[in-house]
PDB file of N, CA and C in Angstrom:
ATOM      1  N   MET A   1       2.637  56.564 -46.365  1.00  0.00           N
ATOM      2  CA  MET A   1       1.093  55.852 -46.400  1.00  0.00           C
ATOM      3  C   MET A   1       1.117  54.816 -47.274  1.00  0.00           C
ATOM      4  N   PRO A   2      -0.151  53.558 -47.129  1.00  0.00           N
ATOM      5  CA  PRO A   2       0.071  52.466 -48.109  1.00  0.00           C
ATOM      6  C   PRO A   2      -0.969  53.199 -49.552  1.00  0.00           C
ATOM      7  N   ARG A   3      -0.564  52.460 -50.030  1.00  0.00           N
ATOM      8  CA  ARG A   3      -1.111  52.908 -51.500  1.00  0.00           C
ATOM      9  C   ARG A   3      -2.380  51.311 -51.870  1.00  0.00           C
ATOM     10  N   LEU A   4      -2.857  51.747 -52.303  1.00  0.00           N
ATOM     11  CA  LEU A   4      -4.003  51.085 -52.698  1.00  0.00           C
ATOM     12  C   LEU A   4      -4.467  50.816 -53.782  1.00  0.00           C
ATOM     13  N   SER A   5      -4.863  50.148 -54.542  1.00  0.00           N
ATOM     14  CA  SER A   5      -5.699  49.772 -56.255  1.00  0.00           C
ATOM     15  C   SER A   5      -6.623  49.058 -56.397  1.00  0.00           C
ATOM     16  N   SER A   6      -7.225  49.345 -57.330  1.00  0.00           N
ATOM     17  CA  SER A   6      -8.368  48.210 -57.196  1.00  0.00           C
ATOM     18  C   SER A   6      -8.628  47.673 -58.487  1.00  0.00           C
ATOM     19  N   VAL A   7      -8.825  47.203 -59.256  1.00  0.00           N
ATOM     20  CA  VAL A   7      -9.603  46.462 -61.081  1.00  0.00           C
ATOM     21  C   VAL A   7     -10.156  45.305 -60.906  1.00  0.00           C
ATOM     22  N   GLN A   8     -11.494  45.545 -61.211  1.00  0.00           N
ATOM     23  CA  GLN A   8     -12.538  44.599 -61.124  1.00  0.00           C
ATOM     24  C   GLN A   8     -12.376  43.368 -62.107  1.00  0.00           C
ATOM     25  N   THR A   9     -12.393  42.587 -61.754  1.00  0.00           N
ATOM     26  CA  THR A   9     -12.263  41.400 -62.688  1.00  0.00           C
ATOM     27  C   THR A   9     -13.463  40.502 -63.323  1.00  0.00           C
ATOM     28  N   PRO A  10     -13.191  39.551 -64.216  1.00  0.00           N
ATOM     29  CA  PRO A  10     -14.618  38.656 -65.051  1.00  0.00           C
ATOM     30  C   PRO A  10     -15.254  37.997 -63.334  1.00  0.00           C
ATOM     31  N   PRO A  11     -16.311  37.347 -63.062  1.00  0.00           N
ATOM     32  CA  PRO A  11     -16.665  36.304 -62.392  1.00  0.00           C
ATOM     33  C   PRO A  11     -15.680  35.062 -62.195  1.00  0.00           C
ATOM     34  N   HIS A  12     -15.594  34.850 -61.110  1.00  0.00           N
ATOM     35  CA  HIS A  12     -14.788  33.995 -61.131  1.00  0.00           C
ATOM     36  C   HIS A  12     -15.840  32.301 -61.456  1.00  0.00           C
ATOM     37  N   ALA A  13     -15.216  31.299 -61.324  1.00  0.00           N
ATOM     38  CA  ALA A  13     -15.567  29.992 -62.055  1.00  0.00           C
ATOM     39  C   ALA A  13     -17.052  30.195 -61.264  1.00  0.00           C
ATOM     40  N   ASN A  14     -16.951  30.156 -59.634  1.00  0.00           N
ATOM     41  CA  ASN A  14     -18.211  30.023 -58.947  1.00  0.00           C
ATOM     42  C   ASN A  14     -19.308  30.628 -58.808  1.00  0.00           C
ATOM     43  N   GLY A  15     -19.180  31.430 -60.046  1.00  0.00           N
ATOM     44  CA  GLY A  15     -19.852  32.478 -59.885  1.00  0.00           C
ATOM     45  C   GLY A  15     -19.820  33.887 -59.221  1.00  0.00           C
ATOM     46  N   THR A  16     -18.970  34.068 -58.557  1.00  0.00           N
ATOM     47  CA  THR A  16     -18.567  35.252 -57.331  1.00  0.00           C
ATOM     48  C   THR A  16     -17.795  36.672 -58.215  1.00  0.00           C
ATOM     49  N   ASP A  17     -17.939  37.404 -58.400  1.00  0.00           N
ATOM     50  CA  ASP A  17     -17.487  38.427 -58.448  1.00  0.00           C
ATOM     51  C   ASP A  17     -15.970  38.542 -58.046  1.00  0.00           C
ATOM     52  N   GLY A  18     -14.813  39.301 -58.987  1.00  0.00           N
ATOM     53  CA  GLY A  18     -13.328  39.246 -57.852  1.00  0.00           C
ATOM     54  C   GLY A  18     -13.073  40.551 -58.585  1.00  0.00           C
ATOM     55  N   SER A  19     -11.997  40.658 -57.734  1.00  0.00           N
ATOM     56  CA  SER A  19     -11.410  42.088 -57.470  1.00  0.00           C
ATOM     57  C   SER A  19      -9.809  41.930 -57.685  1.00  0.00           C
ATOM     58  N   ARG A  20      -9.066  42.578 -58.378  1.00  0.00           N
ATOM     59  CA  ARG A  20      -7.328  42.135 -58.129  1.00  0.00           C
ATOM     60  C   ARG A  20      -7.043  43.740 -57.368  1.00  0.00           C
ATOM     61  N   LEU A  21      -6.511  43.457 -56.448  1.00  0.00           N
ATOM     62  CA  LEU A  21      -5.951  44.630 -55.600  1.00  0.00           C
ATOM     63  C   LEU A  21      -4.581  44.750 -55.310  1.00  0.00           C
ATOM     64  N   SER A  22      -3.627  45.695 -55.753  1.00  0.00           N
ATOM     65  CA  SER A  22      -2.557  46.521 -55.439  1.00  0.00           C
ATOM     66  C   SER A  22      -2.157  47.002 -54.357  1.00  0.00           C
ATOM     67  N   VAL A  23      -1.058  46.258 -53.465  1.00  0.00           N
ATOM     68  CA  VAL A  23      -0.978  47.137 -52.016  1.00  0.00           C
ATOM     69  C   VAL A  23       0.659  46.893 -51.852  1.00  0.00           C
ATOM     70  N   ASN A  24       1.188  48.226 -51.003  1.00  0.00           N
ATOM     71  CA  ASN A  24       2.496  48.357 -51.195  1.00  0.00           C
ATOM     72  C   ASN A  24       2.888  48.509 -49.647  1.00  0.00           C
ATOM     73  N   LEU A  25       3.289  47.042 -49.428  1.00  0.00           N
ATOM     74  CA  LEU A  25       3.736  46.781 -47.645  1.00  0.00           C
ATOM     75  C   LEU A  25       4.598  47.066 -47.622  1.00  0.00           C
ATOM     76  N   ALA A  26       4.981  47.126 -46.228  1.00  0.00           N
ATOM     77  CA  ALA A  26       6.217  47.597 -45.386  1.00  0.00           C
ATOM     78  C   ALA A  26       7.356  46.641 -45.301  1.00  0.00           C
ATOM     79  N   GLY A  27       8.505  46.299 -45.355  1.00  0.00           N
ATOM     80  CA  GLY A  27       9.520  44.949 -45.608  1.00  0.00           C
ATOM     81  C   GLY A  27       8.855  44.090 -44.272  1.00  0.00           C
ATOM     82  N   ASP A  28       8.984  44.371 -42.844  1.00  0.00           N
ATOM     83  CA  ASP A  28       8.096  43.865 -42.368  1.00  0.00           C
ATOM     84  C   ASP A  28       7.009  43.037 -42.076  1.00  0.00           C
ATOM     85  N   THR A  29       5.986  44.090 -42.469  1.00  0.00           N
ATOM     86  CA  THR A  29       5.009  43.365 -43.035  1.00  0.00           C
ATOM     87  C   THR A  29       4.420  42.281 -44.191  1.00  0.00           C
ATOM     88  N   MET A  30       5.194  42.840 -45.154  1.00  0.00           N
ATOM     89  CA  MET A  30       5.492  41.952 -46.321  1.00  0.00           C
ATOM     90  C   MET A  30       6.009  39.933 -45.485  1.00  0.00           C
ATOM     91  N   ALA A  31       6.913  40.330 -44.613  1.00  0.00           N
ATOM     92  CA  ALA A  31       7.485  39.173 -43.764  1.00  0.00           C
ATOM     93  C   ALA A  31       6.607  38.368 -43.202  1.00  0.00           C
ATOM     94  N   ALA A  32       6.222  39.174 -42.299  1.00  0.00           N
ATOM     95  CA  ALA A  32       4.765  38.976 -41.331  1.00  0.00           C
ATOM     96  C   ALA A  32       3.875  37.910 -42.458  1.00  0.00           C
ATOM     97  N   LEU A  33       3.769  38.558 -43.180  1.00  0.00           N
ATOM     98  CA  LEU A  33       1.926  37.775 -44.459  1.00  0.00           C
ATOM     99  C   LEU A  33       3.239  36.567 -44.484  1.00  0.00           C
ATOM    100  N   LYS A  34       4.624  36.751 -45.217  1.00  0.00           N
ATOM    101  CA  LYS A  34       4.972  35.207 -45.523  1.00  0.00           C
ATOM    102  C   LYS A  34       5.375  34.037 -44.588  1.00  0.00           C
ATOM    103  N   GLU A  35       5.769  34.767 -43.378  1.00  0.00           N
ATOM    104  CA  GLU A  35       6.018  33.912 -42.608  1.00  0.00           C
ATOM    105  C   GLU A  35       4.270  33.040 -42.414  1.00  0.00           C
ATOM    106  N   LEU A  36       3.054  34.271 -42.118  1.00  0.00           N
ATOM    107  CA  LEU A  36       2.103  33.262 -41.704  1.00  0.00           C
ATOM    108  C   LEU A  36       1.374  32.216 -43.142  1.00  0.00           C
ATOM    109  N   ALA A  37       1.359  32.853 -44.129  1.00  0.00           N
ATOM    110  CA  ALA A  37       1.402  31.651 -45.298  1.00  0.00           C
ATOM    111  C   ALA A  37       2.365  30.343 -45.359  1.00  0.00           C
ATOM    112  N   GLU A  38       3.969  30.484 -45.098  1.00  0.00           N
ATOM    113  CA  GLU A  38       4.454  29.615 -44.670  1.00  0.00           C
ATOM    114  C   GLU A  38       3.926  28.608 -43.607  1.00  0.00           C
ATOM    115  N   ARG A  39       3.950  29.071 -42.724  1.00  0.00           N
ATOM    116  CA  ARG A  39       3.676  28.320 -41.194  1.00  0.00           C
ATOM    117  C   ARG A  39       1.781  27.489 -41.824  1.00  0.00           C
ATOM    118  N   LYS A  40       1.227  28.060 -42.479  1.00  0.00           N
ATOM    119  CA  LYS A  40      -0.574  27.462 -42.212  1.00  0.00           C
ATOM    120  C   LYS A  40      -0.259  26.645 -44.179  1.00  0.00           C
ATOM    121  N   GLY A  41       0.936  26.746 -45.072  1.00  0.00           N
ATOM    122  CA  GLY A  41       0.965  26.137 -46.085  1.00  0.00           C
ATOM    123  C   GLY A  41       0.053  26.531 -46.969  1.00  0.00           C
ATOM    124  N   SER A  42      -0.313  27.886 -47.170  1.00  0.00           N
ATOM    125  CA  SER A  42      -1.117  28.834 -47.686  1.00  0.00           C
ATOM    126  C   SER A  42      -0.203  30.172 -48.418  1.00  0.00           C
ATOM    127  N   THR A  43      -1.108  30.279 -49.884  1.00  0.00           N
ATOM    128  CA  THR A  43      -0.634  31.670 -50.481  1.00  0.00           C
ATOM    129  C   THR A  43      -0.400  32.461 -49.728  1.00  0.00           C
ATOM    130  N   LEU A  44      -0.264  33.897 -50.472  1.00  0.00           N
ATOM    131  CA  LEU A  44      -0.477  35.478 -49.775  1.00  0.00           C
ATOM    132  C   LEU A  44      -2.129  35.583 -49.640  1.00  0.00           C
ATOM    133  N   SER A  45      -2.426  35.513 -50.906  1.00  0.00           N
ATOM    134  CA  SER A  45      -3.362  36.160 -51.456  1.00  0.00           C
ATOM    135  C   SER A  45      -4.993  35.123 -50.324  1.00  0.00           C
ATOM    136  N   ASP A  46      -4.124  34.016 -49.794  1.00  0.00           N
ATOM    137  CA  ASP A  46      -5.116  33.160 -49.247  1.00  0.00           C
ATOM    138  C   ASP A  46      -5.322  33.418 -47.523  1.00  0.00           C
ATOM    139  N   THR A  47      -3.666  34.214 -47.418  1.00  0.00           N
ATOM    140  CA  THR A  47      -3.384  34.589 -46.153  1.00  0.00           C
ATOM    141  C   THR A  47      -4.257  36.095 -45.886  1.00  0.00           C
ATOM    142  N   VAL A  48      -3.931  37.043 -47.088  1.00  0.00           N
ATOM    143  CA  VAL A  48      -4.820  37.968 -46.619  1.00  0.00           C
ATOM    144  C   VAL A  48      -6.072  38.088 -46.608  1.00  0.00           C
ATOM    145  N   ARG A  49      -6.962  37.318 -47.280  1.00  0.00           N
ATOM    146  CA  ARG A  49      -8.295  36.638 -47.584  1.00  0.00           C
ATOM    147  C   ARG A  49      -8.980  36.511 -45.993  1.00  0.00           C
ATOM    148  N   ARG A  50      -7.962  35.653 -45.534  1.00  0.00           N
ATOM    149  CA  ARG A  50      -7.924  35.020 -43.811  1.00  0.00           C
ATOM    150  C   ARG A  50      -8.128  36.329 -43.164  1.00  0.00           C
ATOM    151  N   ALA A  51      -7.176  37.028 -43.299  1.00  0.00           N
ATOM    152  CA  ALA A  51      -6.646  38.157 -42.504  1.00  0.00           C
ATOM    153  C   ALA A  51      -7.979  39.028 -42.524  1.00  0.00           C
ATOM    154  N   ILE A  52      -8.655  39.109 -43.286  1.00  0.00           N
ATOM    155  CA  ILE A  52      -9.120  40.112 -43.556  1.00  0.00           C
ATOM    156  C   ILE A  52     -11.013  39.868 -42.995  1.00  0.00           C
ATOM    157  N   ALA A  53     -10.924  38.163 -43.225  1.00  0.00           N
ATOM    158  CA  ALA A  53     -12.092  37.249 -42.356  1.00  0.00           C
ATOM    159  C   ALA A  53     -11.913  37.832 -40.543  1.00  0.00           C
ATOM    160  N   VAL A  54     -11.064  37.615 -40.369  1.00  0.00           N
ATOM    161  CA  VAL A  54     -10.920  37.704 -38.621  1.00  0.00           C
ATOM    162  C   VAL A  54     -11.299  39.331 -38.601  1.00  0.00           C
ATOM    163  N   LEU A  55     -10.223  39.466 -39.206  1.00  0.00           N
ATOM    164  CA  LEU A  55     -10.694  41.196 -38.630  1.00  0.00           C
ATOM    165  C   LEU A  55     -11.833  41.620 -38.638  1.00  0.00           C
ATOM    166  N   LYS A  56     -12.784  41.081 -40.159  1.00  0.00           N
ATOM    167  CA  LYS A  56     -14.291  41.801 -40.074  1.00  0.00           C
ATOM    168  C   LYS A  56     -15.068  40.580 -38.631  1.00  0.00           C
ATOM    169  N   TYR A  57     -14.696  39.636 -38.741  1.00  0.00           N
ATOM    170  CA  TYR A  57     -15.643  39.281 -37.436  1.00  0.00           C
ATOM    171  C   TYR A  57     -15.356  39.572 -36.114  1.00  0.00           C
ATOM    172  N   PHE A  58     -13.672  40.030 -35.815  1.00  0.00           N
ATOM    173  CA  PHE A  58     -13.341  40.604 -34.445  1.00  0.00           C
ATOM    174  C   PHE A  58     -14.572  42.213 -34.689  1.00  0.00           C
ATOM    175  N   ASP A  59     -14.521  42.722 -35.814  1.00  0.00           N
ATOM    176  CA  ASP A  59     -14.996  44.316 -35.885  1.00  0.00           C
ATOM    177  C   ASP A  59     -16.663  44.143 -35.590  1.00  0.00           C
ATOM    178  N   CYS A  60     -17.198  42.980 -36.372  1.00  0.00           N
ATOM    179  CA  CYS A  60     -18.594  42.904 -35.671  1.00  0.00           C
ATOM    180  C   CYS A  60     -18.834  42.281 -34.094  1.00  0.00           C
ATOM    181  N   GLN A  61     -17.743  41.506 -33.895  1.00  0.00           N
ATOM    182  CA  GLN A  61     -18.430  41.296 -32.646  1.00  0.00           C
ATOM    183  C   GLN A  61     -18.076  42.331 -31.527  1.00  0.00           C
ATOM    184  N   THR A  62     -17.280  43.426 -31.662  1.00  0.00           N
ATOM    185  CA  THR A  62     -17.130  44.366 -30.838  1.00  0.00           C
ATOM    186  C   THR A  62     -17.912  45.533 -31.195  1.00  0.00           C
ATOM    187  N   GLU A  63     -18.146  45.885 -32.258  1.00  0.00           N
ATOM    188  CA  GLU A  63     -19.573  46.792 -32.594  1.00  0.00           C
ATOM    189  C   GLU A  63     -20.678  46.089 -32.078  1.00  0.00           C
ATOM    190  N   ARG A  64     -20.576  44.706 -31.668  1.00  0.00           N
ATOM    191  CA  ARG A  64     -22.338  44.257 -30.814  1.00  0.00           C
ATOM    192  C   ARG A  64     -21.812  44.406 -29.440  1.00  0.00           C
ATOM    193  N   GLY A  65     -20.479  44.988 -28.773  1.00  0.00           N
ATOM    194  CA  GLY A  65     -20.225  45.153 -27.440  1.00  0.00           C
ATOM    195  C   GLY A  65     -19.596  44.163 -26.673  1.00  0.00           C
ATOM    196  N   HIS A  66     -19.253  42.948 -27.570  1.00  0.00           N
ATOM    197  CA  HIS A  66     -18.447  42.093 -27.258  1.00  0.00           C
ATOM    198  C   HIS A  66     -17.296  42.194 -26.920  1.00  0.00           C
ATOM    199  N   GLU A  67     -16.391  41.708 -25.944  1.00  0.00           N
ATOM    200  CA  GLU A  67     -14.792  41.613 -26.080  1.00  0.00           C
ATOM    201  C   GLU A  67     -14.015  40.274 -27.056  1.00  0.00           C
ATOM    202  N   ILE A  68     -12.796  40.381 -27.340  1.00  0.00           N
ATOM    203  CA  ILE A  68     -11.857  39.729 -27.578  1.00  0.00           C
ATOM    204  C   ILE A  68     -11.139  39.401 -27.066  1.00  0.00           C
ATOM    205  N   ALA A  69     -10.934  37.992 -26.711  1.00  0.00           N
ATOM    206  CA  ALA A  69     -10.113  37.699 -25.547  1.00  0.00           C
ATOM    207  C   ALA A  69      -9.371  36.257 -26.309  1.00  0.00           C
ATOM    208  N   THR A  70      -7.928  36.268 -25.769  1.00  0.00           N
ATOM    209  CA  THR A  70      -7.214  35.132 -25.591  1.00  0.00           C
ATOM    210  C   THR A  70      -7.513  34.074 -24.465  1.00  0.00           C
ATOM    211  N   ILE A  71      -7.329  32.527 -24.406  1.00  0.00           N
ATOM    212  CA  ILE A  71      -7.022  32.258 -23.179  1.00  0.00           C
ATOM    213  C   ILE A  71      -6.038  31.324 -23.264  1.00  0.00           C
ATOM    214  N   GLU A  72      -5.366  31.430 -21.863  1.00  0.00           N
ATOM    215  CA  GLU A  72      -3.892  31.066 -22.058  1.00  0.00           C
ATOM    216  C   GLU A  72      -3.725  30.020 -20.438  1.00  0.00           C
ATOM    217  N   ASP A  73      -3.065  28.664 -20.697  1.00  0.00           N
ATOM    218  CA  ASP A  73      -3.440  27.843 -19.627  1.00  0.00           C
ATOM    219  C   ASP A  73      -1.898  27.867 -18.843  1.00  0.00           C
ATOM    220  N   LEU A  74      -2.136  28.315 -17.931  1.00  0.00           N
ATOM    221  CA  LEU A  74      -1.065  28.911 -16.934  1.00  0.00           C
ATOM    222  C   LEU A  74      -0.643  27.234 -16.305  1.00  0.00           C
ATOM    223  N   GLY A  75      -1.094  25.672 -16.807  1.00  0.00           N
ATOM    224  CA  GLY A  75      -0.832  25.053 -16.010  1.00  0.00           C
ATOM    225  C   GLY A  75      -1.483  24.970 -14.770  1.00  0.00           C
ATOM    226  N   GLY A  76      -1.471  23.391 -14.640  1.00  0.00           N
ATOM    227  CA  GLY A  76      -2.058  23.524 -12.762  1.00  0.00           C
ATOM    228  C   GLY A  76      -3.595  23.782 -12.467  1.00  0.00           C
ATOM    229  N   GLY A  77      -3.826  23.887 -14.116  1.00  0.00           N
ATOM    230  CA  GLY A  77      -5.684  24.306 -13.617  1.00  0.00           C
ATOM    231  C   GLY A  77      -5.737  25.373 -14.030  1.00  0.00           C
ATOM    232  N   LYS A  78      -4.732  26.580 -13.826  1.00  0.00           N
ATOM    233  CA  LYS A  78      -4.866  27.649 -14.137  1.00  0.00           C
ATOM    234  C   LYS A  78      -4.872  28.317 -15.721  1.00  0.00           C
ATOM    235  N   THR A  79      -5.924  29.442 -15.069  1.00  0.00           N
ATOM    236  CA  THR A  79      -5.544  29.908 -16.884  1.00  0.00           C
ATOM    237  C   THR A  79      -5.480  31.316 -16.728  1.00  0.00           C
ATOM    238  N   GLN A  80      -5.217  32.378 -17.861  1.00  0.00           N
ATOM    239  CA  GLN A  80      -5.331  33.618 -17.720  1.00  0.00           C
ATOM    240  C   GLN A  80      -6.167  34.222 -18.748  1.00  0.00           C
ATOM    241  N   VAL A  81      -7.375  35.174 -18.897  1.00  0.00           N
ATOM    242  CA  VAL A  81      -7.855  35.714 -20.043  1.00  0.00           C
ATOM    243  C   VAL A  81      -7.080  36.707 -20.586  1.00  0.00           C
ATOM    244  N   ASN A  82      -6.466  37.440 -21.805  1.00  0.00           N
ATOM    245  CA  ASN A  82      -6.066  37.874 -22.151  1.00  0.00           C
ATOM    246  C   ASN A  82      -6.719  39.005 -22.758  1.00  0.00           C
ATOM    247  N   ARG A  83      -7.462  39.809 -22.567  1.00  0.00           N
ATOM    248  CA  ARG A  83      -8.095  40.738 -23.303  1.00  0.00           C
ATOM    249  C   ARG A  83      -7.633  41.549 -24.770  1.00  0.00           C
ATOM    250  N   VAL A  84      -7.467  41.325 -26.108  1.00  0.00           N
ATOM    251  CA  VAL A  84      -7.474  41.936 -26.809  1.00  0.00           C
ATOM    252  C   VAL A  84      -7.991  43.111 -27.288  1.00  0.00           C
ATOM    253  N   VAL A  85      -7.454  44.531 -27.708  1.00  0.00           N
ATOM    254  CA  VAL A  85      -7.263  45.536 -27.639  1.00  0.00           C
ATOM    255  C   VAL A  85      -7.584  45.925 -29.193  1.00  0.00           C
ATOM    256  N   LEU A  86      -8.208  45.923 -30.079  1.00  0.00           N
ATOM    257  CA  LEU A  86      -7.720  46.845 -31.441  1.00  0.00           C
ATOM    258  C   LEU A  86      -7.898  48.092 -31.805  1.00  0.00           C
ATOM    259  N   LEU A  87      -7.203  48.676 -32.536  1.00  0.00           N
ATOM    260  CA  LEU A  87      -6.402  49.762 -32.310  1.00  0.00           C
ATOM    261  C   LEU A  87      -7.109  50.420 -33.621  1.00  0.00           C
ATOM    262  N   GLY A  88      -7.596  51.738 -34.212  1.00  0.00           N
ATOM    263  CA  GLY A  88      -7.746  51.885 -35.297  1.00  0.00           C
ATOM    264  C   GLY A  88      -9.005  51.902 -35.555  1.00  0.00           C
TER     265      GLY A  88
END
């Protein structure tokens, strides 16, 4: 099971409160995080913040009864809607 710890830090220059979080990640999870960060030219911290924002958005939408989906272009004017199912 992942171990989490959190420490409150002083406010940032923009006036928001910050926290420092320590998370133990499995090797494959860390590799995926690094790959995402590299592809976007981002830091690991910014990539984690982005992932949290996306998960929060998906969670809010599903709580409202909405479904999350991707639309795949199959070519020739055809598309396929793929429903995203969030586990947990």
